[in-house]
Amino acid sequence: NHQILTYGSNRAYLYDLSGNTFSSATPSFTTGDGADGTAPTVISVSPPNTATGVGPNNPVVVTFSEPVNPGTVSNHVALYKGSDLYASGYSLSADATSISFNIGAMPYGTTLTVVVSPNVTDIAGNHLASEFRSAFTTAPQPATARPSVNVVRPASGATGVPSTASLVFFTSAPM
């Protein structure tokens, strides 16, 4: 059992029932400076806007300027392939400041667009100021066929070829 008595505007003392004070009990706190009126913004996106050659297993992450309300993210953050929804599943970071899409391997040679709707809000209810869009293109499909030599110069069986002649190979794929 205890009792708090306040003296002045900034001090509080803790007493036991016998009236003895606790010398180490001088609580203090700082009040907030008012309501949060600042809208959240997208401060980064990975891969960055206009990136090309993005690997198929590259993570897609959107980072906000402050924690967002988890209840406003669903259906308001998505990844599109052209005009078709490609992915809307995501993981929200523990501090609610970033979203990572759960997409697995992305298709090769494809432009994907990250869209964040202004319906996403921060904890205080401030909406994202405007829709956010960022597009990137994945790397082309790697060659799976082995290259072959199509032509050799000088040709096989040529005679009278100077000993200083260059040997040139024309292949079916860049080397």
N, C-alpha and C. Protein backbone atom coordinates (compact mmCIF):
# COMPACT_ATOMS: atom_id res chain seq x y z
N ASN A 1 0.84 -1.19 0.00
CA ASN A 1 0.00 0.00 0.00
C ASN A 1 0.87 1.24 0.00
N HIS A 2 0.50 2.20 -0.82
CA HIS A 2 1.26 3.43 -0.90
C HIS A 2 0.32 4.59 -1.21
N GLN A 3 0.86 5.73 -1.12
CA GLN A 3 0.08 6.94 -1.35
C GLN A 3 0.97 7.95 -2.06
N ILE A 4 0.45 8.61 -3.10
CA ILE A 4 1.23 9.62 -3.80
C ILE A 4 0.67 10.98 -3.46
N LEU A 5 1.55 11.86 -3.04
CA LEU A 5 1.17 13.24 -2.77
C LEU A 5 1.97 14.12 -3.71
N THR A 6 1.35 15.09 -4.30
CA THR A 6 2.01 15.97 -5.26
C THR A 6 2.27 17.31 -4.63
N TYR A 7 3.47 17.82 -4.79
CA TYR A 7 3.85 19.13 -4.32
C TYR A 7 4.35 19.94 -5.52
N GLY A 8 3.74 21.02 -5.81
CA GLY A 8 4.13 21.83 -6.96
C GLY A 8 3.67 21.17 -8.25
N SER A 9 4.08 21.72 -9.39
CA SER A 9 3.61 21.20 -10.66
C SER A 9 4.49 20.10 -11.22
N ASN A 10 5.72 19.94 -10.73
CA ASN A 10 6.62 18.97 -11.33
C ASN A 10 7.13 17.89 -10.39
N ARG A 11 6.67 17.84 -9.15
CA ARG A 11 7.22 16.86 -8.22
C ARG A 11 6.12 15.99 -7.62
N ALA A 12 6.48 14.73 -7.43
CA ALA A 12 5.58 13.80 -6.75
C ALA A 12 6.43 12.98 -5.79
N TYR A 13 5.88 12.70 -4.63
CA TYR A 13 6.59 11.91 -3.63
C TYR A 13 5.76 10.70 -3.28
N LEU A 14 6.44 9.59 -3.05
CA LEU A 14 5.78 8.35 -2.71
C LEU A 14 5.96 8.11 -1.21
N TYR A 15 4.83 7.86 -0.50
CA TYR A 15 4.84 7.61 0.95
C TYR A 15 4.26 6.25 1.22
N ASP A 16 4.77 5.60 2.28
CA ASP A 16 4.11 4.39 2.73
C ASP A 16 2.99 4.79 3.69
N LEU A 17 2.25 3.82 4.25
CA LEU A 17 1.11 4.14 5.11
C LEU A 17 1.52 4.82 6.41
N SER A 18 2.78 4.67 6.79
CA SER A 18 3.26 5.32 8.01
C SER A 18 3.75 6.74 7.75
N GLY A 19 3.75 7.16 6.48
CA GLY A 19 4.17 8.51 6.15
C GLY A 19 5.63 8.64 5.79
N ASN A 20 6.34 7.52 5.71
CA ASN A 20 7.76 7.56 5.34
C ASN A 20 7.89 7.73 3.82
N THR A 21 8.80 8.61 3.40
CA THR A 21 9.01 8.82 1.96
C THR A 21 10.08 7.87 1.44
N PHE A 22 9.97 7.57 0.17
CA PHE A 22 10.99 6.80 -0.53
C PHE A 22 11.88 7.82 -1.22
N SER A 23 13.12 7.87 -0.82
CA SER A 23 13.99 8.92 -1.35
C SER A 23 14.29 8.75 -2.84
N SER A 24 14.21 7.53 -3.36
CA SER A 24 14.53 7.32 -4.76
C SER A 24 13.30 7.41 -5.66
N ALA A 25 12.14 7.72 -5.11
CA ALA A 25 10.92 7.74 -5.91
C ALA A 25 10.57 9.16 -6.34
N THR A 26 11.22 9.64 -7.37
CA THR A 26 10.89 10.95 -7.92
C THR A 26 10.57 10.74 -9.40
N PRO A 27 9.34 10.35 -9.69
CA PRO A 27 8.99 10.05 -11.08
C PRO A 27 8.95 11.32 -11.92
N SER A 28 9.22 11.15 -13.19
CA SER A 28 9.09 12.26 -14.12
C SER A 28 8.68 11.71 -15.48
N PHE A 29 8.11 12.55 -16.30
CA PHE A 29 7.70 12.15 -17.64
C PHE A 29 7.60 13.39 -18.51
N THR A 30 7.57 13.15 -19.81
CA THR A 30 7.45 14.24 -20.77
C THR A 30 6.17 14.02 -21.56
N THR A 31 5.41 15.05 -21.70
CA THR A 31 4.18 14.92 -22.47
C THR A 31 4.46 15.11 -23.95
N GLY A 32 3.58 14.58 -24.80
CA GLY A 32 3.71 14.73 -26.24
C GLY A 32 3.44 16.15 -26.66
N ASP A 33 3.81 16.46 -27.88
CA ASP A 33 3.63 17.82 -28.37
C ASP A 33 2.35 17.99 -29.19
N GLY A 34 1.40 17.12 -29.01
CA GLY A 34 0.13 17.25 -29.72
C GLY A 34 -0.11 16.08 -30.65
N ALA A 35 -1.18 16.17 -31.39
CA ALA A 35 -1.58 15.10 -32.29
C ALA A 35 -0.65 15.02 -33.49
N ASP A 36 -0.48 13.81 -34.01
CA ASP A 36 0.33 13.57 -35.20
C ASP A 36 -0.47 14.01 -36.42
N GLY A 37 -0.01 15.00 -37.12
CA GLY A 37 -0.70 15.47 -38.32
C GLY A 37 0.12 15.25 -39.57
N THR A 38 1.21 14.50 -39.45
CA THR A 38 2.09 14.27 -40.59
C THR A 38 1.72 12.98 -41.31
N ALA A 39 1.49 13.10 -42.61
CA ALA A 39 1.15 11.92 -43.41
C ALA A 39 2.38 11.05 -43.61
N PRO A 40 2.20 9.73 -43.65
CA PRO A 40 3.33 8.86 -43.94
C PRO A 40 3.73 9.01 -45.41
N THR A 41 4.97 8.72 -45.70
CA THR A 41 5.46 8.73 -47.08
C THR A 41 6.25 7.46 -47.34
N VAL A 42 6.38 7.10 -48.59
CA VAL A 42 7.26 5.99 -48.96
C VAL A 42 8.65 6.60 -49.12
N ILE A 43 9.60 6.14 -48.31
CA ILE A 43 10.94 6.72 -48.36
C ILE A 43 11.91 5.89 -49.20
N SER A 44 11.56 4.62 -49.44
CA SER A 44 12.40 3.82 -50.33
C SER A 44 11.63 2.62 -50.83
N VAL A 45 12.08 2.12 -51.97
CA VAL A 45 11.52 0.90 -52.54
C VAL A 45 12.68 0.13 -53.15
N SER A 46 12.65 -1.17 -52.97
CA SER A 46 13.68 -2.02 -53.54
C SER A 46 13.00 -3.16 -54.27
N PRO A 47 13.34 -3.39 -55.51
CA PRO A 47 14.29 -2.70 -56.35
C PRO A 47 13.85 -1.27 -56.63
N PRO A 48 14.81 -0.37 -56.88
CA PRO A 48 14.44 1.03 -57.11
C PRO A 48 13.70 1.24 -58.43
N ASN A 49 13.00 2.36 -58.52
CA ASN A 49 12.25 2.70 -59.72
C ASN A 49 13.17 2.69 -60.94
N THR A 50 12.69 2.13 -62.02
CA THR A 50 13.36 1.99 -63.33
C THR A 50 14.54 1.02 -63.33
N ALA A 51 14.73 0.25 -62.27
CA ALA A 51 15.82 -0.73 -62.25
C ALA A 51 15.58 -1.78 -63.33
N THR A 52 16.66 -2.26 -63.93
CA THR A 52 16.57 -3.32 -64.93
C THR A 52 17.51 -4.45 -64.54
N GLY A 53 17.27 -5.62 -65.10
CA GLY A 53 18.13 -6.76 -64.82
C GLY A 53 17.97 -7.29 -63.41
N VAL A 54 16.82 -7.07 -62.80
CA VAL A 54 16.58 -7.51 -61.42
C VAL A 54 16.46 -9.03 -61.40
N GLY A 55 17.18 -9.67 -60.53
CA GLY A 55 17.16 -11.13 -60.42
C GLY A 55 15.80 -11.65 -59.99
N PRO A 56 15.46 -12.87 -60.39
CA PRO A 56 14.14 -13.41 -60.09
C PRO A 56 13.87 -13.62 -58.60
N ASN A 57 14.90 -13.74 -57.79
CA ASN A 57 14.71 -13.96 -56.35
C ASN A 57 14.97 -12.72 -55.51
N ASN A 58 15.08 -11.57 -56.16
CA ASN A 58 15.31 -10.31 -55.46
C ASN A 58 14.08 -9.98 -54.60
N PRO A 59 14.26 -9.59 -53.34
CA PRO A 59 13.09 -9.19 -52.54
C PRO A 59 12.52 -7.87 -53.02
N VAL A 60 11.21 -7.70 -52.88
CA VAL A 60 10.54 -6.44 -53.20
C VAL A 60 10.07 -5.86 -51.87
N VAL A 61 10.62 -4.69 -51.48
CA VAL A 61 10.37 -4.11 -50.16
C VAL A 61 10.01 -2.63 -50.30
N VAL A 62 8.96 -2.22 -49.60
CA VAL A 62 8.54 -0.81 -49.54
C VAL A 62 8.77 -0.34 -48.11
N THR A 63 9.46 0.80 -47.93
CA THR A 63 9.74 1.32 -46.60
C THR A 63 9.05 2.67 -46.42
N PHE A 64 8.37 2.84 -45.29
CA PHE A 64 7.62 4.05 -44.97
C PHE A 64 8.39 4.94 -44.00
N SER A 65 8.00 6.21 -43.95
CA SER A 65 8.65 7.19 -43.07
C SER A 65 8.28 7.00 -41.61
N GLU A 66 7.21 6.27 -41.33
CA GLU A 66 6.76 6.03 -39.96
C GLU A 66 5.91 4.76 -39.95
N PRO A 67 5.61 4.21 -38.78
CA PRO A 67 4.79 3.01 -38.73
C PRO A 67 3.42 3.23 -39.38
N VAL A 68 2.97 2.23 -40.13
CA VAL A 68 1.66 2.29 -40.76
C VAL A 68 0.68 1.42 -39.99
N ASN A 69 -0.59 1.73 -40.14
CA ASN A 69 -1.64 0.97 -39.48
C ASN A 69 -1.81 -0.34 -40.24
N PRO A 70 -1.52 -1.50 -39.62
CA PRO A 70 -1.61 -2.78 -40.32
C PRO A 70 -2.99 -3.04 -40.93
N GLY A 71 -4.03 -2.52 -40.31
CA GLY A 71 -5.38 -2.73 -40.82
C GLY A 71 -5.67 -2.00 -42.12
N THR A 72 -4.84 -1.03 -42.49
CA THR A 72 -5.08 -0.27 -43.72
C THR A 72 -4.19 -0.73 -44.87
N VAL A 73 -3.32 -1.68 -44.63
CA VAL A 73 -2.39 -2.12 -45.67
C VAL A 73 -3.04 -3.15 -46.60
N SER A 74 -3.83 -4.05 -46.04
CA SER A 74 -4.47 -5.09 -46.84
C SER A 74 -5.28 -4.48 -47.98
N ASN A 75 -5.13 -5.00 -49.18
CA ASN A 75 -5.82 -4.55 -50.40
C ASN A 75 -5.39 -3.16 -50.85
N HIS A 76 -4.38 -2.56 -50.23
CA HIS A 76 -3.94 -1.22 -50.63
C HIS A 76 -2.46 -1.17 -51.00
N VAL A 77 -1.81 -2.33 -50.97
CA VAL A 77 -0.42 -2.44 -51.41
C VAL A 77 -0.36 -3.68 -52.30
N ALA A 78 0.12 -3.50 -53.53
CA ALA A 78 0.12 -4.63 -54.46
C ALA A 78 1.24 -4.50 -55.48
N LEU A 79 1.50 -5.62 -56.15
CA LEU A 79 2.50 -5.70 -57.21
C LEU A 79 1.76 -6.14 -58.47
N TYR A 80 1.94 -5.37 -59.56
CA TYR A 80 1.23 -5.64 -60.81
C TYR A 80 2.18 -6.04 -61.91
N LYS A 81 1.70 -6.94 -62.78
CA LYS A 81 2.37 -7.32 -64.02
C LYS A 81 1.50 -6.75 -65.11
N GLY A 82 1.91 -5.62 -65.70
CA GLY A 82 1.03 -4.90 -66.61
C GLY A 82 -0.15 -4.36 -65.81
N SER A 83 -1.37 -4.64 -66.27
CA SER A 83 -2.55 -4.20 -65.52
C SER A 83 -3.12 -5.31 -64.65
N ASP A 84 -2.46 -6.47 -64.65
CA ASP A 84 -2.93 -7.62 -63.87
C ASP A 84 -2.26 -7.67 -62.50
N LEU A 85 -3.06 -7.96 -61.48
CA LEU A 85 -2.51 -8.13 -60.13
C LEU A 85 -1.57 -9.33 -60.15
N TYR A 86 -0.34 -9.12 -59.72
CA TYR A 86 0.63 -10.20 -59.66
C TYR A 86 0.77 -10.73 -58.24
N ALA A 87 0.82 -9.84 -57.25
CA ALA A 87 0.96 -10.26 -55.85
C ALA A 87 0.41 -9.20 -54.91
N SER A 88 -0.33 -9.64 -53.91
CA SER A 88 -0.78 -8.73 -52.87
C SER A 88 -0.43 -9.27 -51.49
N GLY A 89 0.13 -10.47 -51.43
CA GLY A 89 0.58 -11.02 -50.16
C GLY A 89 1.86 -10.36 -49.71
N TYR A 90 1.98 -10.06 -48.44
CA TYR A 90 3.13 -9.34 -47.93
C TYR A 90 3.38 -9.72 -46.48
N SER A 91 4.54 -9.30 -45.98
CA SER A 91 4.87 -9.39 -44.56
C SER A 91 5.16 -7.98 -44.10
N LEU A 92 4.58 -7.59 -42.99
CA LEU A 92 4.82 -6.27 -42.40
C LEU A 92 5.89 -6.42 -41.34
N SER A 93 6.88 -5.54 -41.34
CA SER A 93 7.96 -5.62 -40.35
C SER A 93 7.40 -5.44 -38.94
N ALA A 94 8.15 -5.87 -37.95
CA ALA A 94 7.71 -5.79 -36.56
C ALA A 94 7.43 -4.35 -36.12
N ASP A 95 8.18 -3.39 -36.66
CA ASP A 95 7.95 -2.00 -36.30
C ASP A 95 6.96 -1.31 -37.24
N ALA A 96 6.35 -2.07 -38.16
CA ALA A 96 5.32 -1.60 -39.10
C ALA A 96 5.81 -0.48 -40.01
N THR A 97 7.12 -0.46 -40.31
CA THR A 97 7.63 0.58 -41.21
C THR A 97 8.01 0.04 -42.59
N SER A 98 7.95 -1.27 -42.80
CA SER A 98 8.25 -1.79 -44.14
C SER A 98 7.42 -3.01 -44.46
N ILE A 99 7.20 -3.17 -45.76
CA ILE A 99 6.41 -4.29 -46.29
C ILE A 99 7.29 -5.06 -47.25
N SER A 100 7.34 -6.38 -47.10
CA SER A 100 8.06 -7.26 -48.02
C SER A 100 7.03 -8.15 -48.70
N PHE A 101 7.03 -8.15 -50.03
CA PHE A 101 6.08 -9.00 -50.76
C PHE A 101 6.50 -10.46 -50.67
N ASN A 102 5.52 -11.34 -50.53
CA ASN A 102 5.75 -12.78 -50.48
C ASN A 102 5.47 -13.33 -51.89
N ILE A 103 6.48 -13.33 -52.76
CA ILE A 103 6.22 -13.69 -54.15
C ILE A 103 7.03 -14.86 -54.68
N GLY A 104 8.08 -15.25 -54.01
CA GLY A 104 8.92 -16.30 -54.56
C GLY A 104 9.65 -15.79 -55.79
N ALA A 105 9.91 -16.66 -56.74
CA ALA A 105 10.65 -16.26 -57.95
C ALA A 105 9.75 -15.47 -58.89
N MET A 106 10.27 -14.35 -59.36
CA MET A 106 9.54 -13.52 -60.32
C MET A 106 9.84 -14.00 -61.73
N PRO A 107 8.94 -13.73 -62.68
CA PRO A 107 9.18 -14.16 -64.06
C PRO A 107 10.31 -13.36 -64.70
N TYR A 108 11.04 -14.01 -65.59
CA TYR A 108 12.12 -13.34 -66.31
C TYR A 108 11.57 -12.35 -67.33
N GLY A 109 12.35 -11.29 -67.59
CA GLY A 109 12.04 -10.33 -68.64
C GLY A 109 10.67 -9.68 -68.51
N THR A 110 10.29 -9.32 -67.30
CA THR A 110 8.96 -8.78 -67.04
C THR A 110 9.06 -7.47 -66.29
N THR A 111 8.21 -6.51 -66.66
CA THR A 111 8.13 -5.26 -65.92
C THR A 111 7.04 -5.42 -64.86
N LEU A 112 7.40 -5.16 -63.61
CA LEU A 112 6.47 -5.24 -62.48
C LEU A 112 6.37 -3.85 -61.85
N THR A 113 5.18 -3.52 -61.35
CA THR A 113 4.94 -2.20 -60.75
C THR A 113 4.42 -2.37 -59.33
N VAL A 114 5.08 -1.70 -58.39
CA VAL A 114 4.64 -1.65 -56.99
C VAL A 114 3.68 -0.47 -56.87
N VAL A 115 2.50 -0.70 -56.28
CA VAL A 115 1.52 0.37 -56.08
C VAL A 115 1.09 0.40 -54.62
N VAL A 116 1.17 1.60 -54.01
CA VAL A 116 0.71 1.80 -52.63
C VAL A 116 -0.39 2.87 -52.71
N SER A 117 -1.58 2.50 -52.31
CA SER A 117 -2.75 3.40 -52.37
C SER A 117 -2.70 4.43 -51.25
N PRO A 118 -3.32 5.60 -51.48
CA PRO A 118 -3.41 6.61 -50.42
C PRO A 118 -4.32 6.17 -49.26
N ASN A 119 -4.95 5.01 -49.38
CA ASN A 119 -5.77 4.49 -48.27
C ASN A 119 -4.93 3.91 -47.15
N VAL A 120 -3.61 3.77 -47.36
CA VAL A 120 -2.71 3.33 -46.29
C VAL A 120 -2.55 4.52 -45.34
N THR A 121 -2.69 4.26 -44.04
CA THR A 121 -2.57 5.33 -43.04
C THR A 121 -1.51 4.98 -42.00
N ASP A 122 -1.08 6.02 -41.28
CA ASP A 122 -0.22 5.78 -40.13
C ASP A 122 -1.10 5.45 -38.93
N ILE A 123 -0.50 5.27 -37.78
CA ILE A 123 -1.23 4.89 -36.57
C ILE A 123 -2.23 5.97 -36.16
N ALA A 124 -1.94 7.24 -36.45
CA ALA A 124 -2.83 8.34 -36.08
C ALA A 124 -3.96 8.54 -37.09
N GLY A 125 -3.95 7.78 -38.19
CA GLY A 125 -5.02 7.90 -39.18
C GLY A 125 -4.71 8.83 -40.34
N ASN A 126 -3.49 9.34 -40.43
CA ASN A 126 -3.10 10.20 -41.55
C ASN A 126 -2.87 9.33 -42.79
N HIS A 127 -3.52 9.71 -43.89
CA HIS A 127 -3.40 8.96 -45.14
C HIS A 127 -2.12 9.32 -45.89
N LEU A 128 -1.59 8.35 -46.62
CA LEU A 128 -0.50 8.60 -47.54
C LEU A 128 -0.96 9.73 -48.46
N ALA A 129 -0.11 10.71 -48.70
CA ALA A 129 -0.51 11.92 -49.43
C ALA A 129 -1.01 11.64 -50.84
N SER A 130 -0.41 10.68 -51.54
CA SER A 130 -0.84 10.35 -52.89
C SER A 130 -0.42 8.92 -53.20
N GLU A 131 -0.98 8.39 -54.27
CA GLU A 131 -0.62 7.03 -54.67
C GLU A 131 0.87 6.97 -55.01
N PHE A 132 1.51 5.88 -54.59
CA PHE A 132 2.93 5.68 -54.89
C PHE A 132 3.04 4.57 -55.92
N ARG A 133 3.86 4.80 -56.96
CA ARG A 133 4.12 3.79 -58.00
C ARG A 133 5.61 3.73 -58.27
N SER A 134 6.10 2.52 -58.48
CA SER A 134 7.50 2.31 -58.83
C SER A 134 7.57 1.04 -59.68
N ALA A 135 8.27 1.10 -60.82
CA ALA A 135 8.35 -0.05 -61.71
C ALA A 135 9.80 -0.49 -61.89
N PHE A 136 9.99 -1.78 -62.12
CA PHE A 136 11.31 -2.35 -62.39
C PHE A 136 11.13 -3.50 -63.36
N THR A 137 12.22 -3.90 -64.00
CA THR A 137 12.17 -5.00 -64.97
C THR A 137 13.14 -6.09 -64.55
N THR A 138 12.64 -7.32 -64.58
CA THR A 138 13.47 -8.46 -64.20
C THR A 138 14.43 -8.82 -65.34
N ALA A 139 15.45 -9.56 -65.01
CA ALA A 139 16.47 -9.98 -65.98
C ALA A 139 15.86 -10.89 -67.03
N PRO A 140 16.44 -10.89 -68.23
CA PRO A 140 15.95 -11.81 -69.26
C PRO A 140 16.28 -13.26 -68.89
N GLN A 141 15.53 -14.17 -69.51
CA GLN A 141 15.75 -15.61 -69.29
C GLN A 141 17.18 -15.96 -69.70
N PRO A 142 17.94 -16.59 -68.81
CA PRO A 142 19.30 -16.97 -69.20
C PRO A 142 19.26 -18.08 -70.26
N ALA A 143 20.28 -18.09 -71.11
CA ALA A 143 20.37 -19.13 -72.14
C ALA A 143 20.59 -20.48 -71.47
N THR A 144 19.89 -21.47 -71.95
CA THR A 144 20.06 -22.81 -71.40
C THR A 144 20.71 -23.76 -72.39
N ALA A 145 20.72 -23.37 -73.69
CA ALA A 145 21.36 -24.20 -74.72
C ALA A 145 22.85 -23.88 -74.78
N ARG A 146 23.65 -24.86 -75.08
CA ARG A 146 25.08 -24.67 -75.22
C ARG A 146 25.35 -23.95 -76.55
N PRO A 147 26.25 -22.98 -76.54
CA PRO A 147 26.59 -22.35 -77.82
C PRO A 147 27.37 -23.32 -78.70
N SER A 148 27.29 -23.08 -80.00
CA SER A 148 28.04 -23.92 -80.94
C SER A 148 28.82 -23.03 -81.90
N VAL A 149 29.83 -23.60 -82.52
CA VAL A 149 30.61 -22.88 -83.51
C VAL A 149 29.93 -23.10 -84.85
N ASN A 150 29.51 -21.99 -85.49
CA ASN A 150 28.82 -22.08 -86.77
C ASN A 150 29.79 -22.03 -87.95
N VAL A 151 30.79 -21.15 -87.86
CA VAL A 151 31.75 -20.95 -88.95
C VAL A 151 33.13 -20.70 -88.35
N VAL A 152 34.15 -21.20 -89.03
CA VAL A 152 35.53 -20.96 -88.62
C VAL A 152 36.25 -20.36 -89.82
N ARG A 153 37.05 -19.31 -89.59
CA ARG A 153 37.88 -18.73 -90.65
C ARG A 153 39.32 -18.72 -90.17
N PRO A 154 40.24 -19.13 -90.93
CA PRO A 154 40.10 -19.74 -92.23
C PRO A 154 39.34 -21.06 -92.14
N ALA A 155 38.67 -21.40 -93.20
CA ALA A 155 37.82 -22.59 -93.25
C ALA A 155 38.64 -23.85 -93.06
N SER A 156 38.00 -24.85 -92.56
CA SER A 156 38.64 -26.14 -92.37
C SER A 156 39.13 -26.66 -93.73
N GLY A 157 40.36 -27.08 -93.80
CA GLY A 157 40.94 -27.62 -95.03
C GLY A 157 41.53 -26.58 -95.95
N ALA A 158 41.51 -25.28 -95.56
CA ALA A 158 42.07 -24.23 -96.40
C ALA A 158 43.57 -24.43 -96.56
N THR A 159 44.11 -24.06 -97.70
CA THR A 159 45.54 -24.19 -97.93
C THR A 159 46.13 -22.81 -98.19
N GLY A 160 47.43 -22.69 -98.02
CA GLY A 160 48.13 -21.44 -98.26
C GLY A 160 47.79 -20.36 -97.25
N VAL A 161 47.34 -20.72 -96.08
CA VAL A 161 46.98 -19.75 -95.04
C VAL A 161 48.26 -19.25 -94.40
N PRO A 162 48.46 -17.91 -94.36
CA PRO A 162 49.67 -17.38 -93.72
C PRO A 162 49.74 -17.77 -92.24
N SER A 163 50.93 -17.95 -91.76
CA SER A 163 51.09 -18.34 -90.36
C SER A 163 50.68 -17.24 -89.40
N THR A 164 50.53 -16.01 -89.85
CA THR A 164 50.11 -14.88 -89.00
C THR A 164 48.61 -14.61 -89.08
N ALA A 165 47.88 -15.43 -89.83
CA ALA A 165 46.43 -15.22 -89.99
C ALA A 165 45.72 -15.45 -88.66
N SER A 166 44.71 -14.64 -88.42
CA SER A 166 43.90 -14.81 -87.20
C SER A 166 42.92 -15.95 -87.40
N LEU A 167 42.68 -16.65 -86.34
CA LEU A 167 41.67 -17.71 -86.33
C LEU A 167 40.40 -17.10 -85.74
N VAL A 168 39.29 -17.11 -86.49
CA VAL A 168 38.06 -16.47 -86.07
C VAL A 168 36.95 -17.50 -85.99
N PHE A 169 36.23 -17.52 -84.86
CA PHE A 169 35.10 -18.42 -84.67
C PHE A 169 33.82 -17.59 -84.64
N PHE A 170 32.81 -18.00 -85.38
CA PHE A 170 31.48 -17.39 -85.33
C PHE A 170 30.59 -18.38 -84.57
N THR A 171 30.01 -17.92 -83.44
CA THR A 171 29.26 -18.82 -82.57
C THR A 171 27.76 -18.51 -82.62
N SER A 172 26.99 -19.44 -82.12
CA SER A 172 25.52 -19.32 -82.12
C SER A 172 25.01 -18.40 -81.02
N ALA A 173 25.87 -17.99 -80.10
CA ALA A 173 25.47 -17.12 -78.99
C ALA A 173 26.65 -16.26 -78.60
N PRO A 174 26.40 -15.08 -78.02
CA PRO A 174 27.52 -14.26 -77.55
C PRO A 174 28.36 -15.02 -76.54
N MET A 175 29.64 -14.78 -76.59
CA MET A 175 30.56 -15.48 -75.68
C MET A 175 31.13 -14.49 -74.69
